[in-house]
Amino acid sequence: MTSLTILSKEGEASPSISFNPENTISDINPLIYGGFTEHMGRCIYGGLYEPENPNGLSDENGFRKDVISCFKELQVPVVRYPGGNFCATYRWQDGIGPKDKRPTRPELAWEGIEPNTFGTDEFMAWCKNVGTEPYLCLNMGTGTLEDALAWLEYCNGDKDTHYANLRRQNGHKEPYGVKYWALGNEMWGPWQVEQHSKEDYAKKAIQWSRALKLLDPSIVLILCGKDGYSDWDRYTLQKCIKSIDMHSIHYYSMGKGHYTNISSVYAAERAIQVCSSLIDLARCEFDLSPFPDVELISTKPKSAKRPTICFDEWNVWDPERAPGNKGAEELYTLSDGLAVAIWLNIFIRNSKDLGMATIAQSVNVIAPLMTTPRGVWKQTTYFPLLLFSKYMRGKSVSVHVRTETYQGKTFPEWVQSTCAVPKLDVSAAIDDDGWMNVAVVNSDETRSFSTQLAGIDKGIEVQVFALGGENFVATDANNEENEKIAIRESTWIATGDVYTFERLSFTLLRWKLSRSPKN
């Protein structure tokens, strides 16, 4: 966890960051650095898959080689597919077999046309090439349980059965062994084809999970949650807790100005905390039979396992700035890059509750990575992902931060009265090789902060990775011609205990501990 001492006014005291490598919180699940690819805009066609690329950038399978290189650089451990809203009308059977016989369908979620030239087998081959695990989202809109069982059999079946044999007939002898399966996407949403009530969804999810695990008991099933703090989350968890392994939540931060943009991210931290409590509530059942007049007397575990949270859609996204039905190609600013760094700090701070997180999305559509026929370029949001995925691993470390906070307008409005919005946002991690990593965002637009660091040995050499800073403004962005906002590397000899974090910056400090912590 991170605790805060709030400085109520400028100059009241020096900011400080205190930590002890011995004070670890929990393991950091590497699946929090997952990706997401949906049949939306140019994410698949022109992003992952472009067999007709005029500049030789695609391999013999039609996969963009430069995109694969970036996924490997990010060490993306798991990728969600094929949606998103897209999956609510998706027939997986349309995307297998000879490509010249695959049907073209109207695509209802994003008002497009789906050619189905990229489907299950292509995605599995792409995942193998990248070195990532697939995470498939089942169609619980127009799809049936029979369709879901058939897809699971096609992917994981190893017996002499129809869909397993169909996979073999299509040239894929060995099962894919898909571990992660989502029970629908945003089933609560009025924009969904076949929107469900929480009661109908919970009943359906229980029946589907039972059947799917009869076919393959090894799979991990992810319940369709909402934002983590809604009555949908409470109800579906209480009804389905014994049937699922993770509970998904979705949230996109956004804001019209820099500080509103930054403040919006803290709703996600509150969502994780509330959802964690709802999971604990759902794991208890109340035994009132001996005391009919007493409202609550005792509890006993309803579920031996404790599901984790799967934050499988998160990012900065303003749908007015980048409409989904027009491809959602956001141009991300430095402010957005700092927001993503805060998102990732939140994941590290709340690591005990997170089993997975997948940024929505990975290529072209509200994405850190953009393609052109000539190559790829990296948005401001790419670089925090790279640094976190590369270094913020192992165990989360408890941190205390003394900092000023932002006091103005927030989005959502309730953040202002519920969550502190610190000017210095911090997380820390110690990896398995004894490297200490401290990630700091200074979101102040005008002031750099000379900050006391309590927990770093004098004289030690510190690796410094920085993004943004004094030479930039919040609205600066990268483009195809100029990636002006990128990682700057340097070293710092900790001769004192004060480090200056530049305004509008994300900084990762990293050093090797002289001795490994006891835990």
Protein backbone atom coordinates (compact mmCIF):
# COMPACT_ATOMS: atom_id res chain seq x y z
CA MET A 1 0.00 0.00 0.00
CA THR A 2 0.95 3.66 -0.24
CA SER A 3 0.19 5.98 2.66
CA LEU A 4 0.09 9.76 2.30
CA THR A 5 0.95 12.74 4.45
CA ILE A 6 -0.80 15.62 2.71
CA LEU A 7 0.89 19.00 2.62
CA SER A 8 -1.97 21.47 2.80
CA LYS A 9 -0.15 24.41 1.24
CA GLU A 10 2.87 25.19 -0.92
CA GLY A 11 6.12 25.35 1.04
CA GLU A 12 4.67 23.83 4.23
CA ALA A 13 7.39 21.15 4.24
CA SER A 14 9.63 19.30 1.83
CA PRO A 15 8.08 16.43 -0.13
CA SER A 16 9.43 13.03 0.86
CA ILE A 17 9.25 9.39 -0.23
CA SER A 18 10.00 6.71 2.37
CA PHE A 19 10.34 2.98 1.79
CA ASN A 20 12.00 -0.12 3.19
CA PRO A 21 12.69 -3.13 0.92
CA GLU A 22 11.78 -5.40 3.83
CA ASN A 23 8.20 -4.09 3.83
CA THR A 24 6.71 -5.95 0.89
CA ILE A 25 2.98 -6.06 0.18
CA SER A 26 2.51 -8.99 -2.18
CA ASP A 27 3.77 -10.64 -5.33
CA ILE A 28 3.21 -8.69 -8.54
CA ASN A 29 1.38 -10.89 -11.02
CA PRO A 30 3.14 -10.45 -14.39
CA LEU A 31 -0.26 -10.79 -16.10
CA ILE A 32 -1.00 -7.16 -15.16
CA TYR A 33 1.05 -6.18 -18.22
CA GLY A 34 -1.38 -7.83 -20.63
CA GLY A 35 -2.64 -6.53 -23.97
CA PHE A 36 -5.95 -6.46 -25.83
CA THR A 37 -6.73 -6.81 -29.52
CA GLU A 38 -10.27 -6.40 -30.85
CA HIS A 39 -11.79 -6.49 -34.30
CA MET A 40 -12.26 -2.73 -34.18
CA GLY A 41 -10.84 -0.01 -36.40
CA ARG A 42 -7.28 -0.85 -37.49
CA CYS A 43 -6.37 -3.01 -34.53
CA ILE A 44 -6.41 -6.35 -36.38
CA TYR A 45 -6.50 -5.42 -40.06
CA GLY A 46 -3.64 -3.03 -40.66
CA GLY A 47 -2.34 -3.54 -37.13
CA LEU A 48 -1.59 -7.17 -36.28
CA TYR A 49 -2.39 -8.45 -39.74
CA GLU A 50 -1.53 -6.88 -43.10
CA PRO A 51 -0.67 -9.55 -45.68
CA GLU A 52 -0.60 -7.00 -48.51
CA ASN A 53 1.84 -4.59 -46.86
CA PRO A 54 3.64 -2.84 -49.74
CA ASN A 55 6.94 -2.47 -47.89
CA GLY A 56 7.65 -6.06 -46.92
CA LEU A 57 6.83 -5.51 -43.25
CA SER A 58 4.65 -8.63 -42.93
CA ASP A 59 5.80 -12.24 -42.63
CA GLU A 60 4.55 -15.28 -44.55
CA ASN A 61 1.45 -15.41 -42.29
CA GLY A 62 0.56 -11.78 -42.97
CA PHE A 63 1.60 -10.70 -39.45
CA ARG A 64 3.30 -7.32 -39.07
CA LYS A 65 6.85 -8.14 -37.98
CA ASP A 66 7.45 -4.70 -36.49
CA VAL A 67 4.33 -5.00 -34.34
CA ILE A 68 5.45 -8.40 -33.08
CA SER A 69 8.85 -6.91 -32.17
CA CYS A 70 7.14 -4.23 -30.08
CA PHE A 71 4.97 -6.79 -28.27
CA LYS A 72 8.13 -8.74 -27.50
CA GLU A 73 9.86 -5.58 -26.26
CA LEU A 74 6.91 -4.96 -23.93
CA GLN A 75 7.03 -8.62 -22.78
CA VAL A 76 3.24 -8.82 -23.08
CA PRO A 77 2.29 -11.98 -21.15
CA VAL A 78 -1.35 -12.38 -22.22
CA VAL A 79 -3.58 -10.86 -24.93
CA ARG A 80 -7.37 -10.63 -24.76
CA TYR A 81 -9.30 -11.36 -28.00
CA PRO A 82 -11.57 -10.86 -30.02
CA GLY A 83 -13.29 -8.16 -27.96
CA GLY A 84 -14.73 -6.13 -26.44
CA ASN A 85 -18.12 -5.28 -27.83
CA PHE A 86 -17.25 -7.09 -31.03
CA CYS A 87 -17.62 -10.51 -29.41
CA ALA A 88 -21.35 -10.05 -28.64
CA THR A 89 -22.25 -11.05 -32.24
CA TYR A 90 -19.08 -12.94 -33.19
CA ARG A 91 -19.42 -16.44 -34.66
CA TRP A 92 -16.02 -18.01 -34.11
CA GLN A 93 -16.89 -20.66 -36.72
CA ASP A 94 -16.78 -17.92 -39.41
CA GLY A 95 -13.05 -17.39 -38.80
CA ILE A 96 -11.68 -20.89 -39.38
CA GLY A 97 -11.02 -23.06 -42.41
CA PRO A 98 -10.11 -21.99 -45.97
CA LYS A 99 -10.09 -18.20 -46.17
CA ASP A 100 -11.84 -18.09 -49.52
CA LYS A 101 -14.82 -19.85 -47.96
CA ARG A 102 -15.13 -17.66 -44.87
CA PRO A 103 -18.23 -15.44 -44.84
CA THR A 104 -18.15 -11.65 -44.68
CA ARG A 105 -20.53 -10.34 -42.03
CA PRO A 106 -21.91 -6.98 -40.94
CA GLU A 107 -20.21 -5.95 -37.69
CA LEU A 108 -22.73 -4.37 -35.34
CA ALA A 109 -20.61 -3.11 -32.44
CA TRP A 110 -18.48 -0.66 -34.42
CA GLU A 111 -20.59 -0.36 -37.60
CA GLY A 112 -18.12 -2.15 -39.83
CA ILE A 113 -17.72 -5.17 -42.10
CA GLU A 114 -15.91 -8.25 -40.80
CA PRO A 115 -14.13 -10.33 -43.50
CA ASN A 116 -13.10 -13.08 -41.05
CA THR A 117 -9.72 -13.55 -42.74
CA PHE A 118 -8.16 -13.35 -39.27
CA GLY A 119 -9.71 -15.77 -36.79
CA THR A 120 -8.92 -18.30 -34.08
CA ASP A 121 -6.09 -20.17 -35.80
CA GLU A 122 -4.43 -16.96 -36.97
CA PHE A 123 -4.64 -15.47 -33.48
CA MET A 124 -3.14 -18.60 -31.93
CA ALA A 125 -0.28 -18.56 -34.44
CA TRP A 126 0.27 -14.86 -33.75
CA CYS A 127 0.36 -15.49 -29.97
CA LYS A 128 2.91 -18.27 -30.45
CA ASN A 129 5.05 -15.94 -32.55
CA VAL A 130 4.88 -13.20 -29.92
CA GLY A 131 5.38 -15.59 -27.01
CA THR A 132 2.17 -14.61 -25.23
CA GLU A 133 -0.86 -16.47 -23.86
CA PRO A 134 -4.30 -16.11 -25.47
CA TYR A 135 -7.30 -14.93 -23.44
CA LEU A 136 -10.57 -15.52 -25.29
CA CYS A 137 -13.86 -13.73 -24.67
CA LEU A 138 -17.00 -15.81 -25.23
CA ASN A 139 -20.04 -14.50 -27.07
CA MET A 140 -22.80 -14.43 -24.45
CA GLY A 141 -24.93 -12.12 -26.60
CA THR A 142 -26.07 -13.89 -29.76
CA GLY A 143 -23.90 -16.92 -28.95
CA THR A 144 -25.12 -20.08 -27.27
CA LEU A 145 -23.61 -22.39 -24.68
CA GLU A 146 -23.27 -24.94 -27.47
CA ASP A 147 -21.14 -22.44 -29.44
CA ALA A 148 -18.97 -21.79 -26.38
CA LEU A 149 -18.42 -25.49 -25.70
CA ALA A 150 -17.58 -26.05 -29.35
CA TRP A 151 -14.96 -23.25 -29.28
CA LEU A 152 -13.41 -24.64 -26.11
CA GLU A 153 -13.31 -28.11 -27.67
CA TYR A 154 -11.78 -26.72 -30.88
CA CYS A 155 -9.04 -24.96 -28.90
CA ASN A 156 -8.31 -27.45 -26.14
CA GLY A 157 -9.78 -30.81 -27.16
CA ASP A 158 -7.30 -33.72 -27.36
CA LYS A 159 -9.75 -36.58 -27.94
CA ASP A 160 -11.31 -38.06 -31.08
CA THR A 161 -14.21 -35.60 -31.10
CA HIS A 162 -15.80 -33.44 -33.77
CA TYR A 163 -14.37 -29.97 -33.08
CA ALA A 164 -10.97 -31.28 -32.00
CA ASN A 165 -10.85 -33.19 -35.28
CA LEU A 166 -11.95 -30.06 -37.15
CA ARG A 167 -8.96 -28.22 -35.70
CA ARG A 168 -6.70 -31.08 -36.84
CA GLN A 169 -8.34 -30.99 -40.28
CA ASN A 170 -7.49 -27.28 -40.43
CA GLY A 171 -3.82 -28.13 -39.94
CA HIS A 172 -3.37 -27.81 -36.18
CA LYS A 173 -2.71 -31.22 -34.68
CA GLU A 174 -1.95 -30.22 -31.10
CA PRO A 175 -4.47 -28.49 -28.80
CA TYR A 176 -3.88 -24.81 -28.15
CA GLY A 177 -4.44 -25.16 -24.40
CA VAL A 178 -6.20 -21.82 -23.96
CA LYS A 179 -6.30 -21.17 -20.22
CA TYR A 180 -8.20 -17.89 -19.85
CA TRP A 181 -11.85 -17.50 -20.90
CA ALA A 182 -14.17 -14.55 -20.26
CA LEU A 183 -17.88 -15.10 -19.68
CA GLY A 184 -18.99 -12.32 -22.02
CA ASN A 185 -18.14 -8.65 -22.25
CA GLU A 186 -19.99 -5.71 -20.65
CA MET A 187 -23.23 -7.68 -20.57
CA TRP A 188 -24.72 -4.91 -18.44
CA GLY A 189 -24.27 -2.25 -21.18
CA PRO A 190 -27.27 -0.82 -23.05
CA TRP A 191 -25.06 -0.65 -26.17
CA GLN A 192 -24.62 -4.42 -26.13
CA VAL A 193 -26.46 -6.77 -28.43
CA GLU A 194 -28.41 -8.93 -25.95
CA GLN A 195 -27.94 -6.73 -22.88
CA HIS A 196 -28.70 -8.71 -19.71
CA SER A 197 -30.07 -7.85 -16.30
CA LYS A 198 -27.75 -8.78 -13.44
CA GLU A 199 -30.14 -11.55 -12.42
CA ASP A 200 -30.29 -13.11 -15.89
CA TYR A 201 -26.55 -12.81 -16.40
CA ALA A 202 -25.68 -14.41 -13.05
CA LYS A 203 -27.98 -17.36 -13.73
CA LYS A 204 -26.50 -17.82 -17.19
CA ALA A 205 -22.89 -17.45 -16.02
CA ILE A 206 -23.33 -20.20 -13.41
CA GLN A 207 -24.75 -22.62 -15.99
CA TRP A 208 -22.08 -21.82 -18.57
CA SER A 209 -19.23 -22.11 -16.09
CA ARG A 210 -20.44 -25.50 -14.91
CA ALA A 211 -20.59 -26.87 -18.45
CA LEU A 212 -17.30 -25.35 -19.57
CA LYS A 213 -15.42 -26.77 -16.59
CA LEU A 214 -16.97 -30.19 -17.18
CA LEU A 215 -15.37 -30.10 -20.62
CA ASP A 216 -12.04 -28.68 -19.39
CA PRO A 217 -11.56 -28.32 -15.60
CA SER A 218 -8.17 -26.63 -16.06
CA ILE A 219 -9.48 -23.36 -17.52
CA VAL A 220 -9.66 -20.04 -15.67
CA LEU A 221 -13.06 -18.36 -16.00
CA ILE A 222 -13.48 -14.58 -15.73
CA LEU A 223 -16.85 -13.20 -14.65
CA CYS A 224 -18.19 -10.13 -16.45
CA GLY A 225 -18.15 -7.30 -13.93
CA LYS A 226 -18.83 -3.62 -14.45
CA ASP A 227 -16.73 -0.84 -12.90
CA GLY A 228 -15.95 -2.54 -9.59
CA TYR A 229 -18.27 -0.50 -7.37
CA SER A 230 -21.72 -1.07 -8.89
CA ASP A 231 -24.63 -3.21 -7.75
CA TRP A 232 -23.98 -5.39 -10.80
CA ASP A 233 -20.57 -6.26 -9.33
CA ARG A 234 -22.02 -6.95 -5.89
CA TYR A 235 -24.86 -9.15 -7.14
CA THR A 236 -22.98 -11.19 -9.72
CA LEU A 237 -20.11 -11.86 -7.30
CA GLN A 238 -22.47 -13.00 -4.55
CA LYS A 239 -24.29 -15.35 -6.92
CA CYS A 240 -21.32 -16.64 -8.93
CA ILE A 241 -18.41 -16.63 -6.47
CA LYS A 242 -18.08 -20.43 -6.42
CA SER A 243 -18.20 -20.71 -10.20
CA ILE A 244 -15.47 -18.28 -11.32
CA ASP A 245 -11.77 -17.57 -10.85
CA MET A 246 -11.54 -13.84 -11.63
CA HIS A 247 -13.91 -10.89 -11.79
CA SER A 248 -13.41 -8.39 -14.60
CA ILE A 249 -13.88 -4.64 -14.29
CA HIS A 250 -13.58 -1.87 -16.91
CA TYR A 251 -12.80 1.81 -16.58
CA TYR A 252 -11.37 4.50 -18.87
CA SER A 253 -9.91 7.68 -17.40
CA MET A 254 -10.31 10.96 -19.25
CA GLY A 255 -10.35 14.71 -18.73
CA LYS A 256 -10.60 17.93 -20.72
CA GLY A 257 -7.66 19.55 -18.92
CA HIS A 258 -4.39 18.16 -17.54
CA TYR A 259 -5.34 17.96 -13.86
CA THR A 260 -8.83 16.65 -14.61
CA ASN A 261 -7.19 14.03 -16.81
CA ILE A 262 -4.77 13.02 -14.03
CA SER A 263 -7.41 13.02 -11.30
CA SER A 264 -9.64 10.71 -13.31
CA VAL A 265 -7.21 7.82 -12.87
CA TYR A 266 -7.77 7.66 -9.11
CA ALA A 267 -11.31 6.40 -9.64
CA ALA A 268 -9.66 3.19 -10.84
CA GLU A 269 -7.78 2.77 -7.56
CA ARG A 270 -11.00 3.23 -5.62
CA ALA A 271 -12.72 0.75 -7.94
CA ILE A 272 -10.12 -1.92 -7.13
CA GLN A 273 -10.46 -1.30 -3.40
CA VAL A 274 -14.27 -1.44 -3.43
CA CYS A 275 -14.32 -4.48 -5.69
CA SER A 276 -11.89 -6.24 -3.36
CA SER A 277 -14.34 -5.65 -0.52
CA LEU A 278 -17.23 -6.96 -2.62
CA ILE A 279 -15.23 -10.13 -3.28
CA ASP A 280 -14.72 -10.58 0.47
CA LEU A 281 -18.41 -9.93 1.09
CA ALA A 282 -19.39 -12.49 -1.52
CA ARG A 283 -17.13 -15.10 0.09
CA CYS A 284 -19.17 -14.98 3.30
CA GLU A 285 -22.55 -16.52 3.88
CA PHE A 286 -24.63 -15.70 6.90
CA ASP A 287 -26.01 -18.44 9.15
CA LEU A 288 -29.11 -16.96 10.77
CA SER A 289 -31.21 -20.08 11.23
CA PRO A 290 -30.73 -20.40 15.03
CA PHE A 291 -31.53 -16.70 15.52
CA PRO A 292 -34.42 -15.70 13.28
CA ASP A 293 -34.76 -12.29 14.95
CA VAL A 294 -31.10 -11.36 14.61
CA GLU A 295 -29.99 -9.72 11.40
CA LEU A 296 -26.37 -10.96 11.51
CA ILE A 297 -24.76 -13.39 13.91
CA SER A 298 -21.85 -15.23 12.29
CA THR A 299 -20.17 -15.98 9.03
CA LYS A 300 -18.49 -18.95 7.46
CA PRO A 301 -16.59 -19.14 4.19
CA LYS A 302 -18.83 -19.51 1.20
CA SER A 303 -15.89 -20.05 -1.13
CA ALA A 304 -12.49 -21.50 -0.21
CA LYS A 305 -10.79 -19.65 -3.04
CA ARG A 306 -10.56 -15.88 -3.32
CA PRO A 307 -11.04 -14.66 -6.88
CA THR A 308 -8.77 -11.88 -8.07
CA ILE A 309 -9.68 -8.84 -10.15
CA CYS A 310 -9.12 -8.89 -13.90
CA PHE A 311 -8.91 -5.25 -15.04
CA ASP A 312 -9.27 -6.27 -18.67
CA GLU A 313 -10.15 -2.89 -20.12
CA TRP A 314 -8.23 0.12 -18.87
CA ASN A 315 -6.67 3.13 -20.52
CA VAL A 316 -7.06 6.84 -21.17
CA TRP A 317 -9.91 7.33 -23.65
CA ASP A 318 -12.12 10.26 -24.49
CA PRO A 319 -14.79 8.88 -26.90
CA GLU A 320 -15.59 12.41 -28.07
CA ARG A 321 -11.97 12.92 -29.09
CA ALA A 322 -11.69 9.45 -30.65
CA PRO A 323 -15.12 7.90 -31.46
CA GLY A 324 -15.21 4.11 -31.46
CA ASN A 325 -17.17 3.83 -34.70
CA LYS A 326 -14.49 5.93 -36.44
CA GLY A 327 -11.56 3.81 -35.35
CA ALA A 328 -10.80 5.41 -31.97
CA GLU A 329 -7.31 6.50 -32.99
CA GLU A 330 -6.37 8.70 -30.03
CA LEU A 331 -3.37 11.00 -30.25
CA TYR A 332 -1.88 10.75 -26.78
CA THR A 333 -0.25 13.70 -25.03
CA LEU A 334 2.38 13.85 -22.32
CA SER A 335 -0.49 14.29 -19.85
CA ASP A 336 -1.92 10.99 -21.08
CA GLY A 337 1.47 9.30 -20.77
CA LEU A 338 1.71 10.44 -17.13
CA ALA A 339 -1.85 9.19 -16.56
CA VAL A 340 -0.85 5.74 -17.82
CA ALA A 341 2.15 5.77 -15.48
CA ILE A 342 -0.22 6.52 -12.58
CA TRP A 343 -2.49 3.67 -13.75
CA LEU A 344 0.49 1.33 -13.52
CA ASN A 345 1.51 2.70 -10.11
CA ILE A 346 -2.02 1.89 -8.96
CA PHE A 347 -1.67 -1.68 -10.21
CA ILE A 348 1.59 -2.11 -8.29
CA ARG A 349 0.14 -0.61 -5.10
CA ASN A 350 -2.90 -2.90 -5.31
CA SER A 351 -1.05 -5.97 -6.55
CA LYS A 352 -2.56 -8.31 -3.97
CA ASP A 353 -5.97 -7.93 -5.59
CA LEU A 354 -5.01 -8.07 -9.28
CA GLY A 355 -4.72 -11.33 -11.17
CA MET A 356 -4.59 -9.73 -14.63
CA ALA A 357 -4.89 -6.41 -16.43
CA THR A 358 -5.05 -5.81 -20.19
CA ILE A 359 -4.71 -2.33 -21.67
CA ALA A 360 -7.41 -1.54 -24.20
CA GLN A 361 -6.15 -1.64 -26.82
CA SER A 362 -2.64 -2.54 -27.97
CA VAL A 363 -2.41 -1.39 -31.61
CA ASN A 364 -3.91 1.66 -33.43
CA VAL A 365 -7.18 1.74 -31.44
CA ILE A 366 -6.67 3.94 -28.32
CA ALA A 367 -3.23 2.36 -28.40
CA PRO A 368 0.37 2.96 -27.36
CA LEU A 369 1.55 1.58 -30.70
CA MET A 370 0.57 2.99 -34.11
CA THR A 371 1.21 1.53 -37.55
CA THR A 372 1.58 3.02 -41.00
CA PRO A 373 2.38 1.12 -44.22
CA ARG A 374 5.98 2.25 -43.64
CA GLY A 375 6.45 1.19 -40.03
CA VAL A 376 5.40 1.75 -36.43
CA TRP A 377 5.65 4.73 -34.13
CA LYS A 378 5.22 4.90 -30.37
CA GLN A 379 2.85 7.14 -28.50
CA THR A 380 3.65 8.75 -25.15
CA THR A 381 1.80 5.92 -23.41
CA TYR A 382 4.14 3.26 -24.81
CA PHE A 383 7.10 4.20 -22.67
CA PRO A 384 5.57 3.86 -19.17
CA LEU A 385 4.32 0.43 -20.23
CA LEU A 386 7.82 -0.52 -21.35
CA LEU A 387 9.52 0.59 -18.15
CA PHE A 388 6.97 -1.03 -15.85
CA SER A 389 6.88 -4.30 -17.76
CA LYS A 390 10.68 -4.45 -17.86
CA TYR A 391 11.45 -3.48 -14.28
CA MET A 392 8.42 -3.35 -11.96
CA ARG A 393 8.29 -7.05 -11.19
CA GLY A 394 8.74 -9.30 -8.19
CA LYS A 395 7.12 -7.90 -5.05
CA SER A 396 5.35 -4.63 -4.38
CA VAL A 397 6.94 -2.55 -1.61
CA SER A 398 5.07 -0.32 0.83
CA VAL A 399 5.71 3.42 0.39
CA HIS A 400 4.94 6.52 2.42
CA VAL A 401 4.68 9.79 0.47
CA ARG A 402 4.56 13.34 1.83
CA THR A 403 3.19 15.54 -0.92
CA GLU A 404 0.83 18.31 -1.89
CA THR A 405 -2.42 17.29 -3.53
CA TYR A 406 -4.55 18.67 -6.34
CA GLN A 407 -7.67 20.40 -5.01
CA GLY A 408 -9.58 21.43 -8.16
CA LYS A 409 -12.25 19.93 -10.40
CA THR A 410 -12.09 16.18 -10.94
CA PHE A 411 -13.68 13.61 -13.21
CA PRO A 412 -15.68 11.79 -12.00
CA GLU A 413 -16.76 14.55 -9.62
CA TRP A 414 -16.83 12.19 -6.62
CA VAL A 415 -13.05 11.71 -6.81
CA GLN A 416 -12.57 15.19 -5.32
CA SER A 417 -14.25 14.22 -2.03
CA THR A 418 -13.22 10.55 -1.95
CA CYS A 419 -9.65 10.15 -3.17
CA ALA A 420 -6.48 12.15 -2.57
CA VAL A 421 -4.92 13.26 -5.86
CA PRO A 422 -1.21 13.57 -4.98
CA LYS A 423 1.17 15.75 -6.94
CA LEU A 424 3.77 13.00 -6.44
CA ASP A 425 2.36 9.56 -7.23
CA VAL A 426 4.60 6.65 -6.25
CA SER A 427 4.92 2.87 -6.28
CA ALA A 428 7.88 0.63 -5.53
CA ALA A 429 8.93 -2.94 -6.29
CA ILE A 430 11.83 -5.25 -5.55
CA ASP A 431 12.60 -7.87 -8.17
CA ASP A 432 13.88 -11.40 -7.68
CA ASP A 433 17.49 -10.34 -8.35
CA GLY A 434 17.54 -7.77 -5.55
CA TRP A 435 16.99 -4.62 -7.60
CA MET A 436 14.94 -1.89 -5.97
CA ASN A 437 12.67 0.10 -8.29
CA VAL A 438 10.83 3.30 -7.38
CA ALA A 439 8.37 4.80 -9.92
CA VAL A 440 7.43 8.46 -9.43
CA VAL A 441 5.05 10.71 -11.37
CA ASN A 442 5.24 14.45 -10.76
CA SER A 443 2.00 15.70 -12.32
CA ASP A 444 2.50 19.36 -11.36
CA GLU A 445 2.47 21.54 -14.48
CA THR A 446 4.76 24.25 -13.14
CA ARG A 447 6.93 22.97 -10.29
CA SER A 448 9.70 20.44 -9.95
CA PHE A 449 10.01 18.94 -6.46
CA SER A 450 13.26 18.43 -4.54
CA THR A 451 12.24 15.33 -2.64
CA GLN A 452 13.80 13.58 0.33
CA LEU A 453 14.30 9.85 -0.27
CA ALA A 454 14.34 7.80 2.92
CA GLY A 455 15.48 4.28 2.13
CA ILE A 456 18.33 4.68 -0.34
CA ASP A 457 21.96 4.01 0.66
CA LYS A 458 24.42 6.86 0.34
CA GLY A 459 26.95 6.56 -2.46
CA ILE A 460 25.00 3.99 -4.44
CA GLU A 461 24.76 4.30 -8.23
CA VAL A 462 21.16 4.66 -9.38
CA GLN A 463 19.89 4.06 -12.89
CA VAL A 464 17.47 6.82 -13.93
CA PHE A 465 14.80 6.46 -16.63
CA ALA A 466 12.75 9.61 -17.25
CA LEU A 467 9.88 10.67 -19.50
CA GLY A 468 8.76 14.26 -20.01
CA GLY A 469 10.05 16.99 -17.71
CA GLU A 470 11.09 20.63 -17.88
CA ASN A 471 11.35 20.88 -21.67
CA PHE A 472 7.76 19.82 -22.33
CA VAL A 473 4.17 20.93 -21.81
CA ALA A 474 1.21 18.71 -20.97
CA THR A 475 -0.21 18.83 -24.49
CA ASP A 476 2.98 17.70 -26.26
CA ALA A 477 2.53 14.50 -28.30
CA ASN A 478 4.47 12.19 -30.59
CA ASN A 479 3.69 11.53 -34.23
CA GLU A 480 4.99 9.47 -37.12
CA GLU A 481 7.71 11.98 -37.95
CA ASN A 482 8.86 12.82 -34.44
CA GLU A 483 8.88 10.72 -31.26
CA LYS A 484 10.04 13.68 -29.21
CA ILE A 485 8.73 12.26 -25.94
CA ALA A 486 10.74 9.12 -25.18
CA ILE A 487 12.80 7.58 -22.39
CA ARG A 488 15.94 9.43 -21.29
CA GLU A 489 18.52 7.30 -19.47
CA SER A 490 21.15 8.55 -17.03
CA THR A 491 22.80 7.66 -13.72
CA TRP A 492 22.72 9.38 -10.34
CA ILE A 493 25.15 8.86 -7.49
CA ALA A 494 23.15 9.12 -4.29
CA THR A 495 25.62 11.32 -2.40
CA GLY A 496 22.66 12.90 -0.59
CA ASP A 497 19.08 11.90 0.11
CA VAL A 498 17.39 14.50 -2.12
CA TYR A 499 16.35 13.90 -5.72
CA THR A 500 14.56 16.47 -7.87
CA PHE A 501 11.59 15.14 -9.83
CA GLU A 502 10.97 17.45 -12.75
CA ARG A 503 7.56 18.91 -13.41
CA LEU A 504 5.36 16.89 -15.79
CA SER A 505 7.60 13.84 -15.54
CA PHE A 506 7.61 10.14 -14.93
CA THR A 507 10.84 8.85 -13.38
CA LEU A 508 11.95 5.32 -12.57
CA LEU A 509 14.88 5.03 -10.14
CA ARG A 510 16.55 1.63 -10.03
CA TRP A 511 19.50 0.31 -8.01
CA LYS A 512 20.96 -2.97 -6.75
CA LEU A 513 20.57 -3.50 -3.03
CA SER A 514 23.71 -4.28 -1.09
CA ARG A 515 21.89 -7.18 0.55
CA SER A 516 18.69 -9.02 -0.26
CA PRO A 517 15.71 -8.38 2.04
CA LYS A 518 14.77 -11.16 4.45
CA ASN A 519 11.39 -11.77 2.84
